[in-house]
PDB file of N, CA and C in Angstrom:
ATOM      1  N   MET A   1     -14.453   8.880  -1.781  1.00  0.00           N
ATOM      2  CA  MET A   1     -13.086   8.410  -1.677  1.00  0.00           C
ATOM      3  C   MET A   1     -13.048   6.898  -1.834  1.00  0.00           C
ATOM      4  N   TYR A   2     -11.897   6.410  -2.253  1.00  0.00           N
ATOM      5  CA  TYR A   2     -11.671   4.975  -2.439  1.00  0.00           C
ATOM      6  C   TYR A   2     -10.386   4.576  -1.734  1.00  0.00           C
ATOM      7  N   VAL A   3     -10.394   3.363  -1.208  1.00  0.00           N
ATOM      8  CA  VAL A   3      -9.265   2.869  -0.420  1.00  0.00           C
ATOM      9  C   VAL A   3      -8.842   1.497  -0.930  1.00  0.00           C
ATOM     10  N   ALA A   4      -7.542   1.266  -0.910  1.00  0.00           N
ATOM     11  CA  ALA A   4      -6.985  -0.063  -1.161  1.00  0.00           C
ATOM     12  C   ALA A   4      -6.154  -0.451   0.053  1.00  0.00           C
ATOM     13  N   VAL A   5      -6.464  -1.603   0.638  1.00  0.00           N
ATOM     14  CA  VAL A   5      -5.719  -2.116   1.783  1.00  0.00           C
ATOM     15  C   VAL A   5      -5.014  -3.383   1.327  1.00  0.00           C
ATOM     16  N   ARG A   6      -3.706  -3.439   1.565  1.00  0.00           N
ATOM     17  CA  ARG A   6      -2.911  -4.606   1.185  1.00  0.00           C
ATOM     18  C   ARG A   6      -2.270  -5.185   2.438  1.00  0.00           C
ATOM     19  N   ARG A   7      -2.551  -6.450   2.709  1.00  0.00           N
ATOM     20  CA  ARG A   7      -1.994  -7.122   3.895  1.00  0.00           C
ATOM     21  C   ARG A   7      -0.953  -8.138   3.422  1.00  0.00           C
ATOM     22  N   PHE A   8       0.266  -7.955   3.891  1.00  0.00           N
ATOM     23  CA  PHE A   8       1.373  -8.845   3.545  1.00  0.00           C
ATOM     24  C   PHE A   8       1.730  -9.684   4.768  1.00  0.00           C
ATOM     25  N   GLU A   9       1.777 -10.989   4.601  1.00  0.00           N
ATOM     26  CA  GLU A   9       2.185 -11.895   5.672  1.00  0.00           C
ATOM     27  C   GLU A   9       3.497 -12.558   5.295  1.00  0.00           C
ATOM     28  N   GLY A  10       4.281 -12.928   6.294  1.00  0.00           N
ATOM     29  CA  GLY A  10       5.570 -13.563   6.041  1.00  0.00           C
ATOM     30  C   GLY A  10       6.667 -12.571   5.700  1.00  0.00           C
ATOM     31  N   VAL A  11       6.497 -11.320   6.109  1.00  0.00           N
ATOM     32  CA  VAL A  11       7.484 -10.276   5.834  1.00  0.00           C
ATOM     33  C   VAL A  11       8.776 -10.625   6.560  1.00  0.00           C
ATOM     34  N   THR A  12       9.884 -10.663   5.819  1.00  0.00           N
ATOM     35  CA  THR A  12      11.144 -11.118   6.401  1.00  0.00           C
ATOM     36  C   THR A  12      11.950 -10.000   7.065  1.00  0.00           C
ATOM     37  N   ASP A  13      11.752  -8.748   6.636  1.00  0.00           N
ATOM     38  CA  ASP A  13      12.500  -7.626   7.202  1.00  0.00           C
ATOM     39  C   ASP A  13      11.622  -6.366   7.146  1.00  0.00           C
ATOM     40  N   PRO A  14      10.761  -6.181   8.142  1.00  0.00           N
ATOM     41  CA  PRO A  14       9.828  -5.045   8.125  1.00  0.00           C
ATOM     42  C   PRO A  14      10.515  -3.679   8.043  1.00  0.00           C
ATOM     43  N   GLN A  15      11.683  -3.546   8.669  1.00  0.00           N
ATOM     44  CA  GLN A  15      12.383  -2.265   8.630  1.00  0.00           C
ATOM     45  C   GLN A  15      12.857  -1.935   7.217  1.00  0.00           C
ATOM     46  N   LYS A  16      13.344  -2.939   6.507  1.00  0.00           N
ATOM     47  CA  LYS A  16      13.789  -2.731   5.129  1.00  0.00           C
ATOM     48  C   LYS A  16      12.593  -2.427   4.228  1.00  0.00           C
ATOM     49  N   VAL A  17      11.479  -3.124   4.445  1.00  0.00           N
ATOM     50  CA  VAL A  17      10.261  -2.852   3.675  1.00  0.00           C
ATOM     51  C   VAL A  17       9.841  -1.398   3.884  1.00  0.00           C
ATOM     52  N   THR A  18       9.880  -0.938   5.126  1.00  0.00           N
ATOM     53  CA  THR A  18       9.516   0.443   5.431  1.00  0.00           C
ATOM     54  C   THR A  18      10.426   1.422   4.708  1.00  0.00           C
ATOM     55  N   GLN A  19      11.721   1.179   4.757  1.00  0.00           N
ATOM     56  CA  GLN A  19      12.686   2.064   4.103  1.00  0.00           C
ATOM     57  C   GLN A  19      12.443   2.135   2.599  1.00  0.00           C
ATOM     58  N   VAL A  20      12.277   0.973   1.962  1.00  0.00           N
ATOM     59  CA  VAL A  20      12.077   0.936   0.508  1.00  0.00           C
ATOM     60  C   VAL A  20      10.745   1.590   0.133  1.00  0.00           C
ATOM     61  N   ALA A  21       9.717   1.362   0.945  1.00  0.00           N
ATOM     62  CA  ALA A  21       8.419   1.985   0.676  1.00  0.00           C
ATOM     63  C   ALA A  21       8.518   3.502   0.784  1.00  0.00           C
ATOM     64  N   LYS A  22       9.150   3.993   1.842  1.00  0.00           N
ATOM     65  CA  LYS A  22       9.290   5.450   2.045  1.00  0.00           C
ATOM     66  C   LYS A  22      10.075   6.099   0.912  1.00  0.00           C
ATOM     67  N   GLU A  23      11.172   5.466   0.526  1.00  0.00           N
ATOM     68  CA  GLU A  23      12.067   6.065  -0.459  1.00  0.00           C
ATOM     69  C   GLU A  23      11.629   5.829  -1.900  1.00  0.00           C
ATOM     70  N   GLY A  24      10.914   4.731  -2.140  1.00  0.00           N
ATOM     71  CA  GLY A  24      10.577   4.392  -3.516  1.00  0.00           C
ATOM     72  C   GLY A  24       9.109   4.481  -3.871  1.00  0.00           C
ATOM     73  N   PHE A  25       8.253   3.843  -3.070  1.00  0.00           N
ATOM     74  CA  PHE A  25       6.836   3.769  -3.428  1.00  0.00           C
ATOM     75  C   PHE A  25       6.068   5.030  -3.065  1.00  0.00           C
ATOM     76  N   VAL A  26       6.312   5.594  -1.896  1.00  0.00           N
ATOM     77  CA  VAL A  26       5.567   6.779  -1.453  1.00  0.00           C
ATOM     78  C   VAL A  26       5.725   7.943  -2.445  1.00  0.00           C
ATOM     79  N   PRO A  27       6.930   8.233  -2.935  1.00  0.00           N
ATOM     80  CA  PRO A  27       7.043   9.315  -3.924  1.00  0.00           C
ATOM     81  C   PRO A  27       6.238   9.044  -5.202  1.00  0.00           C
ATOM     82  N   ILE A  28       6.156   7.794  -5.617  1.00  0.00           N
ATOM     83  CA  ILE A  28       5.404   7.445  -6.824  1.00  0.00           C
ATOM     84  C   ILE A  28       3.909   7.621  -6.590  1.00  0.00           C
ATOM     85  N   ILE A  29       3.405   7.007  -5.532  1.00  0.00           N
ATOM     86  CA  ILE A  29       1.963   7.009  -5.284  1.00  0.00           C
ATOM     87  C   ILE A  29       1.460   8.411  -4.938  1.00  0.00           C
ATOM     88  N   SER A  30       2.282   9.205  -4.250  1.00  0.00           N
ATOM     89  CA  SER A  30       1.826  10.531  -3.828  1.00  0.00           C
ATOM     90  C   SER A  30       1.715  11.514  -4.987  1.00  0.00           C
ATOM     91  N   GLU A  31       2.320  11.196  -6.110  1.00  0.00           N
ATOM     92  CA  GLU A  31       2.224  12.055  -7.290  1.00  0.00           C
ATOM     93  C   GLU A  31       1.017  11.706  -8.168  1.00  0.00           C
ATOM     94  N   MET A  32       0.317  10.635  -7.836  1.00  0.00           N
ATOM     95  CA  MET A  32      -0.830  10.219  -8.647  1.00  0.00           C
ATOM     96  C   MET A  32      -1.987  11.215  -8.479  1.00  0.00           C
ATOM     97  N   PRO A  33      -2.702  11.512  -9.569  1.00  0.00           N
ATOM     98  CA  PRO A  33      -3.881  12.374  -9.445  1.00  0.00           C
ATOM     99  C   PRO A  33      -4.908  11.734  -8.510  1.00  0.00           C
ATOM    100  N   GLY A  34      -5.461  12.528  -7.623  1.00  0.00           N
ATOM    101  CA  GLY A  34      -6.472  12.025  -6.697  1.00  0.00           C
ATOM    102  C   GLY A  34      -5.914  11.430  -5.419  1.00  0.00           C
ATOM    103  N   PHE A  35      -4.583  11.447  -5.246  1.00  0.00           N
ATOM    104  CA  PHE A  35      -3.972  10.902  -4.042  1.00  0.00           C
ATOM    105  C   PHE A  35      -4.436  11.688  -2.816  1.00  0.00           C
ATOM    106  N   VAL A  36      -4.809  10.972  -1.754  1.00  0.00           N
ATOM    107  CA  VAL A  36      -5.202  11.601  -0.489  1.00  0.00           C
ATOM    108  C   VAL A  36      -4.213  11.246   0.616  1.00  0.00           C
ATOM    109  N   ALA A  37      -3.922   9.943   0.792  1.00  0.00           N
ATOM    110  CA  ALA A  37      -3.053   9.525   1.891  1.00  0.00           C
ATOM    111  C   ALA A  37      -2.515   8.119   1.653  1.00  0.00           C
ATOM    112  N   TYR A  38      -1.416   7.814   2.326  1.00  0.00           N
ATOM    113  CA  TYR A  38      -0.829   6.472   2.306  1.00  0.00           C
ATOM    114  C   TYR A  38      -0.349   6.163   3.712  1.00  0.00           C
ATOM    115  N   TYR A  39      -0.639   4.960   4.188  1.00  0.00           N
ATOM    116  CA  TYR A  39      -0.210   4.510   5.513  1.00  0.00           C
ATOM    117  C   TYR A  39       0.439   3.146   5.365  1.00  0.00           C
ATOM    118  N   LEU A  40       1.529   2.934   6.083  1.00  0.00           N
ATOM    119  CA  LEU A  40       2.178   1.621   6.140  1.00  0.00           C
ATOM    120  C   LEU A  40       2.301   1.260   7.611  1.00  0.00           C
ATOM    121  N   VAL A  41       1.779   0.105   7.973  1.00  0.00           N
ATOM    122  CA  VAL A  41       1.726  -0.318   9.368  1.00  0.00           C
ATOM    123  C   VAL A  41       2.509  -1.618   9.541  1.00  0.00           C
ATOM    124  N   ASP A  42       3.439  -1.631  10.485  1.00  0.00           N
ATOM    125  CA  ASP A  42       4.109  -2.863  10.891  1.00  0.00           C
ATOM    126  C   ASP A  42       3.238  -3.461  11.995  1.00  0.00           C
ATOM    127  N   ALA A  43       2.472  -4.490  11.668  1.00  0.00           N
ATOM    128  CA  ALA A  43       1.535  -5.087  12.617  1.00  0.00           C
ATOM    129  C   ALA A  43       2.197  -6.155  13.485  1.00  0.00           C
ATOM    130  N   GLY A  44       3.487  -6.393  13.293  1.00  0.00           N
ATOM    131  CA  GLY A  44       4.196  -7.396  14.078  1.00  0.00           C
ATOM    132  C   GLY A  44       3.983  -8.791  13.530  1.00  0.00           C
ATOM    133  N   ASP A  45       4.760  -9.732  14.015  1.00  0.00           N
ATOM    134  CA  ASP A  45       4.660 -11.141  13.616  1.00  0.00           C
ATOM    135  C   ASP A  45       4.733 -11.331  12.104  1.00  0.00           C
ATOM    136  N   GLY A  46       5.558 -10.515  11.423  1.00  0.00           N
ATOM    137  CA  GLY A  46       5.740 -10.672   9.986  1.00  0.00           C
ATOM    138  C   GLY A  46       4.582 -10.173   9.146  1.00  0.00           C
ATOM    139  N   VAL A  47       3.754  -9.317   9.718  1.00  0.00           N
ATOM    140  CA  VAL A  47       2.607  -8.768   8.991  1.00  0.00           C
ATOM    141  C   VAL A  47       2.794  -7.266   8.787  1.00  0.00           C
ATOM    142  N   THR A  48       2.657  -6.832   7.545  1.00  0.00           N
ATOM    143  CA  THR A  48       2.692  -5.420   7.199  1.00  0.00           C
ATOM    144  C   THR A  48       1.421  -5.107   6.420  1.00  0.00           C
ATOM    145  N   VAL A  49       0.806  -3.967   6.740  1.00  0.00           N
ATOM    146  CA  VAL A  49      -0.443  -3.569   6.095  1.00  0.00           C
ATOM    147  C   VAL A  49      -0.269  -2.169   5.523  1.00  0.00           C
ATOM    148  N   SER A  50      -0.602  -1.999   4.241  1.00  0.00           N
ATOM    149  CA  SER A  50      -0.581  -0.665   3.648  1.00  0.00           C
ATOM    150  C   SER A  50      -2.003  -0.253   3.297  1.00  0.00           C
ATOM    151  N   THR A  51      -2.260   1.037   3.438  1.00  0.00           N
ATOM    152  CA  THR A  51      -3.562   1.592   3.091  1.00  0.00           C
ATOM    153  C   THR A  51      -3.331   2.812   2.213  1.00  0.00           C
ATOM    154  N   SER A  52      -3.952   2.804   1.039  1.00  0.00           N
ATOM    155  CA  SER A  52      -3.856   3.924   0.106  1.00  0.00           C
ATOM    156  C   SER A  52      -5.240   4.527  -0.058  1.00  0.00           C
ATOM    157  N   VAL A  53      -5.325   5.850   0.011  1.00  0.00           N
ATOM    158  CA  VAL A  53      -6.606   6.546  -0.073  1.00  0.00           C
ATOM    159  C   VAL A  53      -6.567   7.499  -1.270  1.00  0.00           C
ATOM    160  N   PHE A  54      -7.620   7.446  -2.079  1.00  0.00           N
ATOM    161  CA  PHE A  54      -7.716   8.286  -3.274  1.00  0.00           C
ATOM    162  C   PHE A  54      -9.092   8.904  -3.394  1.00  0.00           C
ATOM    163  N   GLU A  55      -9.173   9.972  -4.176  1.00  0.00           N
ATOM    164  CA  GLU A  55     -10.435  10.660  -4.389  1.00  0.00           C
ATOM    165  C   GLU A  55     -11.381   9.887  -5.310  1.00  0.00           C
ATOM    166  N   HIS A  56     -10.821   9.081  -6.220  1.00  0.00           N
ATOM    167  CA  HIS A  56     -11.687   8.366  -7.157  1.00  0.00           C
ATOM    168  C   HIS A  56     -11.187   6.949  -7.430  1.00  0.00           C
ATOM    169  N   LYS A  57     -12.096   6.138  -7.928  1.00  0.00           N
ATOM    170  CA  LYS A  57     -11.855   4.709  -8.120  1.00  0.00           C
ATOM    171  C   LYS A  57     -10.723   4.426  -9.103  1.00  0.00           C
ATOM    172  N   ASP A  58     -10.646   5.182 -10.194  1.00  0.00           N
ATOM    173  CA  ASP A  58      -9.598   4.942 -11.185  1.00  0.00           C
ATOM    174  C   ASP A  58      -8.208   5.019 -10.560  1.00  0.00           C
ATOM    175  N   ALA A  59      -7.995   6.009  -9.709  1.00  0.00           N
ATOM    176  CA  ALA A  59      -6.695   6.169  -9.052  1.00  0.00           C
ATOM    177  C   ALA A  59      -6.423   5.011  -8.100  1.00  0.00           C
ATOM    178  N   GLU A  60      -7.446   4.593  -7.365  1.00  0.00           N
ATOM    179  CA  GLU A  60      -7.274   3.452  -6.449  1.00  0.00           C
ATOM    180  C   GLU A  60      -6.892   2.205  -7.227  1.00  0.00           C
ATOM    181  N   GLU A  61      -7.556   1.960  -8.344  1.00  0.00           N
ATOM    182  CA  GLU A  61      -7.238   0.775  -9.155  1.00  0.00           C
ATOM    183  C   GLU A  61      -5.836   0.865  -9.738  1.00  0.00           C
ATOM    184  N   GLN A  62      -5.451   2.047 -10.197  1.00  0.00           N
ATOM    185  CA  GLN A  62      -4.108   2.220 -10.736  1.00  0.00           C
ATOM    186  C   GLN A  62      -3.062   2.020  -9.643  1.00  0.00           C
ATOM    187  N   SER A  63      -3.361   2.461  -8.432  1.00  0.00           N
ATOM    188  CA  SER A  63      -2.399   2.302  -7.335  1.00  0.00           C
ATOM    189  C   SER A  63      -2.161   0.833  -7.018  1.00  0.00           C
ATOM    190  N   THR A  64      -3.206   0.031  -7.101  1.00  0.00           N
ATOM    191  CA  THR A  64      -3.062  -1.405  -6.846  1.00  0.00           C
ATOM    192  C   THR A  64      -2.161  -2.036  -7.908  1.00  0.00           C
ATOM    193  N   PHE A  65      -2.330  -1.638  -9.160  1.00  0.00           N
ATOM    194  CA  PHE A  65      -1.472  -2.120 -10.237  1.00  0.00           C
ATOM    195  C   PHE A  65      -0.026  -1.688 -10.002  1.00  0.00           C
ATOM    196  N   LEU A  66       0.182  -0.405  -9.695  1.00  0.00           N
ATOM    197  CA  LEU A  66       1.536   0.095  -9.452  1.00  0.00           C
ATOM    198  C   LEU A  66       2.185  -0.572  -8.246  1.00  0.00           C
ATOM    199  N   ALA A  67       1.395  -0.808  -7.197  1.00  0.00           N
ATOM    200  CA  ALA A  67       1.928  -1.477  -6.011  1.00  0.00           C
ATOM    201  C   ALA A  67       2.416  -2.870  -6.360  1.00  0.00           C
ATOM    202  N   GLY A  68       1.643  -3.590  -7.154  1.00  0.00           N
ATOM    203  CA  GLY A  68       2.055  -4.933  -7.572  1.00  0.00           C
ATOM    204  C   GLY A  68       3.357  -4.907  -8.341  1.00  0.00           C
ATOM    205  N   GLU A  69       3.480  -3.963  -9.265  1.00  0.00           N
ATOM    206  CA  GLU A  69       4.716  -3.831 -10.036  1.00  0.00           C
ATOM    207  C   GLU A  69       5.892  -3.466  -9.134  1.00  0.00           C
ATOM    208  N   PHE A  70       5.668  -2.525  -8.219  1.00  0.00           N
ATOM    209  CA  PHE A  70       6.741  -2.067  -7.335  1.00  0.00           C
ATOM    210  C   PHE A  70       7.220  -3.200  -6.433  1.00  0.00           C
ATOM    211  N   VAL A  71       6.285  -3.930  -5.858  1.00  0.00           N
ATOM    212  CA  VAL A  71       6.652  -5.046  -4.981  1.00  0.00           C
ATOM    213  C   VAL A  71       7.451  -6.087  -5.760  1.00  0.00           C
ATOM    214  N   ALA A  72       6.972  -6.444  -6.952  1.00  0.00           N
ATOM    215  CA  ALA A  72       7.668  -7.450  -7.763  1.00  0.00           C
ATOM    216  C   ALA A  72       9.091  -7.016  -8.091  1.00  0.00           C
ATOM    217  N   GLU A  73       9.271  -5.737  -8.361  1.00  0.00           N
ATOM    218  CA  GLU A  73      10.577  -5.241  -8.777  1.00  0.00           C
ATOM    219  C   GLU A  73      11.522  -4.948  -7.615  1.00  0.00           C
ATOM    220  N   HIS A  74      10.987  -4.472  -6.486  1.00  0.00           N
ATOM    221  CA  HIS A  74      11.852  -3.969  -5.412  1.00  0.00           C
ATOM    222  C   HIS A  74      11.753  -4.710  -4.078  1.00  0.00           C
ATOM    223  N   LEU A  75      10.666  -5.437  -3.854  1.00  0.00           N
ATOM    224  CA  LEU A  75      10.455  -6.006  -2.519  1.00  0.00           C
ATOM    225  C   LEU A  75      10.176  -7.510  -2.502  1.00  0.00           C
ATOM    226  N   ALA A  76      10.181  -8.158  -3.634  1.00  0.00           N
ATOM    227  CA  ALA A  76       9.796  -9.570  -3.695  1.00  0.00           C
ATOM    228  C   ALA A  76      10.520 -10.459  -2.677  1.00  0.00           C
ATOM    229  N   PRO A  77      11.839 -10.322  -2.488  1.00  0.00           N
ATOM    230  CA  PRO A  77      12.502 -11.194  -1.514  1.00  0.00           C
ATOM    231  C   PRO A  77      12.029 -10.968  -0.068  1.00  0.00           C
ATOM    232  N   LEU A  78      11.557  -9.765   0.224  1.00  0.00           N
ATOM    233  CA  LEU A  78      11.131  -9.430   1.585  1.00  0.00           C
ATOM    234  C   LEU A  78       9.650  -9.722   1.827  1.00  0.00           C
ATOM    235  N   LEU A  79       8.896  -9.836   0.733  1.00  0.00           N
ATOM    236  CA  LEU A  79       7.459 -10.096   0.812  1.00  0.00           C
ATOM    237  C   LEU A  79       7.164 -11.360   0.002  1.00  0.00           C
ATOM    238  N   PRO A  80       7.459 -12.520   0.573  1.00  0.00           N
ATOM    239  CA  PRO A  80       7.389 -13.769  -0.186  1.00  0.00           C
ATOM    240  C   PRO A  80       5.971 -14.223  -0.545  1.00  0.00           C
ATOM    241  N   ASN A  81       4.964 -13.724   0.138  1.00  0.00           N
ATOM    242  CA  ASN A  81       3.588 -14.152  -0.119  1.00  0.00           C
ATOM    243  C   ASN A  81       2.808 -13.039  -0.807  1.00  0.00           C
ATOM    244  N   PRO A  82       1.922 -13.392  -1.735  1.00  0.00           N
ATOM    245  CA  PRO A  82       1.108 -12.349  -2.363  1.00  0.00           C
ATOM    246  C   PRO A  82       0.210 -11.682  -1.321  1.00  0.00           C
ATOM    247  N   PRO A  83      -0.057 -10.392  -1.501  1.00  0.00           N
ATOM    248  CA  PRO A  83      -0.874  -9.690  -0.507  1.00  0.00           C
ATOM    249  C   PRO A  83      -2.344 -10.062  -0.616  1.00  0.00           C
ATOM    250  N   GLN A  84      -3.032  -9.890   0.493  1.00  0.00           N
ATOM    251  CA  GLN A  84      -4.494  -9.939   0.494  1.00  0.00           C
ATOM    252  C   GLN A  84      -4.922  -8.499   0.240  1.00  0.00           C
ATOM    253  N   VAL A  85      -5.607  -8.258  -0.875  1.00  0.00           N
ATOM    254  CA  VAL A  85      -5.993  -6.899  -1.246  1.00  0.00           C
ATOM    255  C   VAL A  85      -7.495  -6.733  -1.058  1.00  0.00           C
ATOM    256  N   THR A  86      -7.859  -5.673  -0.344  1.00  0.00           N
ATOM    257  CA  THR A  86      -9.257  -5.294  -0.172  1.00  0.00           C
ATOM    258  C   THR A  86      -9.376  -3.861  -0.628  1.00  0.00           C
ATOM    259  N   ALA A  87     -10.318  -3.592  -1.528  1.00  0.00           N
ATOM    260  CA  ALA A  87     -10.474  -2.237  -2.046  1.00  0.00           C
ATOM    261  C   ALA A  87     -11.941  -1.904  -2.193  1.00  0.00           C
ATOM    262  N   GLY A  88     -12.238  -0.616  -2.094  1.00  0.00           N
ATOM    263  CA  GLY A  88     -13.611  -0.205  -2.297  1.00  0.00           C
ATOM    264  C   GLY A  88     -13.841   1.243  -1.936  1.00  0.00           C
ATOM    265  N   GLU A  89     -15.096   1.635  -2.013  1.00  0.00           N
ATOM    266  CA  GLU A  89     -15.497   3.004  -1.736  1.00  0.00           C
ATOM    267  C   GLU A  89     -15.628   3.227  -0.230  1.00  0.00           C
ATOM    268  N   VAL A  90     -15.159   4.365   0.222  1.00  0.00           N
ATOM    269  CA  VAL A  90     -15.330   4.750   1.617  1.00  0.00           C
ATOM    270  C   VAL A  90     -16.790   5.147   1.810  1.00  0.00           C
ATOM    271  N   VAL A  91     -17.468   4.503   2.733  1.00  0.00           N
ATOM    272  CA  VAL A  91     -18.900   4.777   2.946  1.00  0.00           C
ATOM    273  C   VAL A  91     -19.166   5.521   4.258  1.00  0.00           C
ATOM    274  N   ALA A  92     -18.166   5.622   5.125  1.00  0.00           N
ATOM    275  CA  ALA A  92     -18.267   6.428   6.331  1.00  0.00           C
ATOM    276  C   ALA A  92     -16.881   6.972   6.622  1.00  0.00           C
ATOM    277  N   TYR A  93     -16.816   8.213   7.054  1.00  0.00           N
ATOM    278  CA  TYR A  93     -15.521   8.858   7.211  1.00  0.00           C
ATOM    279  C   TYR A  93     -15.618   9.946   8.269  1.00  0.00           C
ATOM    280  N   LYS A  94     -14.611  10.023   9.135  1.00  0.00           N
ATOM    281  CA  LYS A  94     -14.506  11.094  10.120  1.00  0.00           C
ATOM    282  C   LYS A  94     -13.024  11.310  10.395  1.00  0.00           C
ATOM    283  N   ALA A  95     -12.573  12.535  10.324  1.00  0.00           N
ATOM    284  CA  ALA A  95     -11.182  12.848  10.638  1.00  0.00           C
ATOM    285  C   ALA A  95     -11.169  13.920  11.710  1.00  0.00           C
ATOM    286  N   GLY A  96     -10.128  13.901  12.496  1.00  0.00           N
ATOM    287  CA  GLY A  96     -10.034  14.855  13.598  1.00  0.00           C
ATOM    288  C   GLY A  96      -9.219  16.053  13.293  1.00  0.00           C
TER     289      GLY A  96
END
């Protein structure tokens, strides 16, 4: 599995970001081949973190590209700073 984590700082309206992500981005990303899971976390203090999980690297890389396009088109005023993106292969995993 592969994961992309995007950390956004300076978020001006976390509730609106959540709404737009749920209604717009989640339907797009969840239809991608290899999609496993998506999480959006309001970490407080203007920080929002998203985590996308995929079965293979190509899908993870494509999701990062799509996320960038989606943010630029739909969320730019609410996410004024570029995200810190960390991506890579899952090397340990346990689910309950």
